[in-house]
Amino acid sequence: MKKIKWQYPITITHFTGDPLPQDENNPLSFERFILGRIMVEPKFGQSMKNILIAVKIKAQVEKSASNSSDLILEDSDYEALKEATENPQCGYNPATAHSVLPFMRAIVDEAETL
């Protein structure tokens, strides 16, 4: 099992430092970031096993988001989320990717083994 510390929303900015408009995705919540990784990462739609992993991650994210508690994932689910975060097939928007580094680090570098 892995524990990921729940993160507060992040304001997305342009790489040049220019502000971006405030909308439903800005500030970006940790929940929205993780669900966004799942929705755009092709791996999560390539097999029934991976679809089930996506469903399990989504359920745990929603549970954690409801009370801002740490995200607890089974090791295999964590590894899938880590891979989708660290080495996504679909990539990130280079103009704004720097803004989500705290979310990426929380998942990839700071998760604790339970």
C-alpha atoms as a PDB file:
ATOM      1  CA  MET A   1       0.000   0.000   0.000  1.00  0.00           C
ATOM      2  CA  LYS A   2       1.097   3.557  -0.720  1.00  0.00           C
ATOM      3  CA  LYS A   3       0.040   6.791   0.934  1.00  0.00           C
ATOM      4  CA  ILE A   4       0.094  10.042  -1.018  1.00  0.00           C
ATOM      5  CA  LYS A   5      -0.321  13.211   1.013  1.00  0.00           C
ATOM      6  CA  TRP A   6      -3.414  15.105  -0.137  1.00  0.00           C
ATOM      7  CA  GLN A   7      -2.474  18.350  -1.887  1.00  0.00           C
ATOM      8  CA  TYR A   8      -4.169  21.737  -1.899  1.00  0.00           C
ATOM      9  CA  PRO A   9      -5.275  23.316  -5.213  1.00  0.00           C
ATOM     10  CA  ILE A  10      -2.631  24.946  -7.389  1.00  0.00           C
ATOM     11  CA  THR A  11      -3.000  28.087  -9.485  1.00  0.00           C
ATOM     12  CA  ILE A  12      -1.921  27.350 -13.048  1.00  0.00           C
ATOM     13  CA  THR A  13       0.325  29.965 -14.645  1.00  0.00           C
ATOM     14  CA  HIS A  14       1.913  30.300 -18.060  1.00  0.00           C
ATOM     15  CA  PHE A  15       5.620  29.415 -18.261  1.00  0.00           C
ATOM     16  CA  THR A  16       6.373  33.066 -19.021  1.00  0.00           C
ATOM     17  CA  GLY A  17       4.753  34.014 -15.724  1.00  0.00           C
ATOM     18  CA  ASP A  18       1.649  35.480 -17.317  1.00  0.00           C
ATOM     19  CA  PRO A  19      -1.538  34.757 -15.376  1.00  0.00           C
ATOM     20  CA  LEU A  20      -4.167  32.469 -16.859  1.00  0.00           C
ATOM     21  CA  PRO A  21      -7.893  33.017 -16.490  1.00  0.00           C
ATOM     22  CA  GLN A  22      -9.591  31.646 -13.405  1.00  0.00           C
ATOM     23  CA  ASP A  23     -12.127  28.932 -14.281  1.00  0.00           C
ATOM     24  CA  GLU A  24     -13.286  25.506 -13.096  1.00  0.00           C
ATOM     25  CA  ASN A  25      -9.764  24.100 -13.684  1.00  0.00           C
ATOM     26  CA  ASN A  26      -7.796  27.027 -12.327  1.00  0.00           C
ATOM     27  CA  PRO A  27      -6.978  26.748  -9.536  1.00  0.00           C
ATOM     28  CA  LEU A  28      -6.523  23.032 -10.264  1.00  0.00           C
ATOM     29  CA  SER A  29      -7.457  20.575  -7.538  1.00  0.00           C
ATOM     30  CA  PHE A  30      -5.400  17.468  -6.803  1.00  0.00           C
ATOM     31  CA  GLU A  31      -8.506  15.396  -7.507  1.00  0.00           C
ATOM     32  CA  ARG A  32      -8.923  16.971 -10.951  1.00  0.00           C
ATOM     33  CA  PHE A  33      -5.217  16.493 -11.717  1.00  0.00           C
ATOM     34  CA  ILE A  34      -5.313  12.770 -10.934  1.00  0.00           C
ATOM     35  CA  LEU A  35      -8.605  12.151 -12.717  1.00  0.00           C
ATOM     36  CA  GLY A  36      -7.246  14.112 -15.667  1.00  0.00           C
ATOM     37  CA  ARG A  37      -4.201  11.829 -15.822  1.00  0.00           C
ATOM     38  CA  ILE A  38      -6.500   8.810 -15.936  1.00  0.00           C
ATOM     39  CA  MET A  39      -8.823  10.297 -18.580  1.00  0.00           C
ATOM     40  CA  VAL A  40      -6.076  11.184 -21.060  1.00  0.00           C
ATOM     41  CA  GLU A  41      -3.623   8.330 -20.523  1.00  0.00           C
ATOM     42  CA  PRO A  42      -4.272   5.666 -23.204  1.00  0.00           C
ATOM     43  CA  LYS A  43      -2.985   2.868 -20.952  1.00  0.00           C
ATOM     44  CA  PHE A  44      -6.080   3.125 -18.748  1.00  0.00           C
ATOM     45  CA  GLY A  45      -8.308   2.176 -21.681  1.00  0.00           C
ATOM     46  CA  GLN A  46      -6.212  -0.577 -23.237  1.00  0.00           C
ATOM     47  CA  SER A  47      -7.352  -3.574 -21.197  1.00  0.00           C
ATOM     48  CA  MET A  48     -10.045  -4.567 -18.750  1.00  0.00           C
ATOM     49  CA  LYS A  49      -7.356  -4.878 -16.052  1.00  0.00           C
ATOM     50  CA  ASN A  50      -6.278  -1.268 -16.604  1.00  0.00           C
ATOM     51  CA  ILE A  51      -9.859  -0.024 -16.720  1.00  0.00           C
ATOM     52  CA  LEU A  52     -10.436  -1.671 -13.339  1.00  0.00           C
ATOM     53  CA  ILE A  53      -7.298   0.006 -11.985  1.00  0.00           C
ATOM     54  CA  ALA A  54      -8.626   3.369 -13.216  1.00  0.00           C
ATOM     55  CA  VAL A  55     -11.970   2.738 -11.508  1.00  0.00           C
ATOM     56  CA  LYS A  56     -10.243   1.814  -8.234  1.00  0.00           C
ATOM     57  CA  ILE A  57      -8.007   4.898  -8.337  1.00  0.00           C
ATOM     58  CA  LYS A  58     -11.025   7.114  -9.080  1.00  0.00           C
ATOM     59  CA  ALA A  59     -12.943   5.677  -6.113  1.00  0.00           C
ATOM     60  CA  GLN A  60     -10.026   6.263  -3.743  1.00  0.00           C
ATOM     61  CA  VAL A  61      -9.440   9.790  -5.079  1.00  0.00           C
ATOM     62  CA  GLU A  62     -13.092  10.707  -4.574  1.00  0.00           C
ATOM     63  CA  LYS A  63     -13.001   9.277  -1.048  1.00  0.00           C
ATOM     64  CA  SER A  64      -9.873  11.290  -0.191  1.00  0.00           C
ATOM     65  CA  ALA A  65     -11.192  14.442  -1.857  1.00  0.00           C
ATOM     66  CA  SER A  66     -14.394  14.351   0.186  1.00  0.00           C
ATOM     67  CA  ASN A  67     -12.459  15.065   3.385  1.00  0.00           C
ATOM     68  CA  SER A  68      -8.961  16.055   2.145  1.00  0.00           C
ATOM     69  CA  SER A  69      -7.458  12.896   3.619  1.00  0.00           C
ATOM     70  CA  ASP A  70      -4.331  11.209   2.323  1.00  0.00           C
ATOM     71  CA  LEU A  71      -4.775   9.029  -0.760  1.00  0.00           C
ATOM     72  CA  ILE A  72      -4.223   5.334  -0.052  1.00  0.00           C
ATOM     73  CA  LEU A  73      -3.645   3.040  -3.039  1.00  0.00           C
ATOM     74  CA  GLU A  74      -2.785  -0.598  -3.555  1.00  0.00           C
ATOM     75  CA  ASP A  75       0.770  -0.977  -4.860  1.00  0.00           C
ATOM     76  CA  SER A  76      -0.296  -1.942  -8.407  1.00  0.00           C
ATOM     77  CA  ASP A  77      -2.746   0.965  -8.601  1.00  0.00           C
ATOM     78  CA  TYR A  78      -0.088   3.341  -7.306  1.00  0.00           C
ATOM     79  CA  GLU A  79       2.454   2.103  -9.869  1.00  0.00           C
ATOM     80  CA  ALA A  80      -0.039   2.735 -12.696  1.00  0.00           C
ATOM     81  CA  LEU A  81      -0.726   6.270 -11.455  1.00  0.00           C
ATOM     82  CA  LYS A  82       2.981   6.916 -10.922  1.00  0.00           C
ATOM     83  CA  GLU A  83       3.808   5.804 -14.475  1.00  0.00           C
ATOM     84  CA  ALA A  84       0.985   7.929 -15.931  1.00  0.00           C
ATOM     85  CA  THR A  85       2.307  10.917 -13.983  1.00  0.00           C
ATOM     86  CA  GLU A  86       6.027  10.435 -14.509  1.00  0.00           C
ATOM     87  CA  ASN A  87       6.078   9.149 -18.116  1.00  0.00           C
ATOM     88  CA  PRO A  88       2.717   9.890 -19.720  1.00  0.00           C
ATOM     89  CA  GLN A  89       2.164   8.732 -23.276  1.00  0.00           C
ATOM     90  CA  CYS A  90       0.060  11.828 -23.914  1.00  0.00           C
ATOM     91  CA  GLY A  91       2.437  14.303 -22.279  1.00  0.00           C
ATOM     92  CA  TYR A  92       1.723  17.606 -20.574  1.00  0.00           C
ATOM     93  CA  ASN A  93       1.176  21.078 -21.968  1.00  0.00           C
ATOM     94  CA  PRO A  94       4.704  22.555 -21.898  1.00  0.00           C
ATOM     95  CA  ALA A  95       3.341  26.070 -21.382  1.00  0.00           C
ATOM     96  CA  THR A  96       1.769  25.157 -18.027  1.00  0.00           C
ATOM     97  CA  ALA A  97       3.364  21.858 -16.899  1.00  0.00           C
ATOM     98  CA  HIS A  98       5.684  23.596 -14.437  1.00  0.00           C
ATOM     99  CA  SER A  99       2.631  24.579 -12.385  1.00  0.00           C
ATOM    100  CA  VAL A 100       1.714  20.977 -11.571  1.00  0.00           C
ATOM    101  CA  LEU A 101       5.175  19.890 -10.424  1.00  0.00           C
ATOM    102  CA  PRO A 102       4.047  19.849  -6.746  1.00  0.00           C
ATOM    103  CA  PHE A 103       1.301  17.345  -7.660  1.00  0.00           C
ATOM    104  CA  MET A 104       3.734  15.284  -9.717  1.00  0.00           C
ATOM    105  CA  ARG A 105       6.289  15.228  -6.892  1.00  0.00           C
ATOM    106  CA  ALA A 106       3.655  14.232  -4.339  1.00  0.00           C
ATOM    107  CA  ILE A 107       2.806  11.184  -6.455  1.00  0.00           C
ATOM    108  CA  VAL A 108       6.207  10.213  -7.854  1.00  0.00           C
ATOM    109  CA  ASP A 109       8.715  11.234  -5.182  1.00  0.00           C
ATOM    110  CA  GLU A 110       6.910  11.633  -1.865  1.00  0.00           C
ATOM    111  CA  ALA A 111       4.550   8.644  -1.594  1.00  0.00           C
ATOM    112  CA  GLU A 112       5.063   6.596   1.554  1.00  0.00           C
ATOM    113  CA  THR A 113       4.932   2.832   1.851  1.00  0.00           C
ATOM    114  CA  LEU A 114       2.472   1.620   4.480  1.00  0.00           C
END
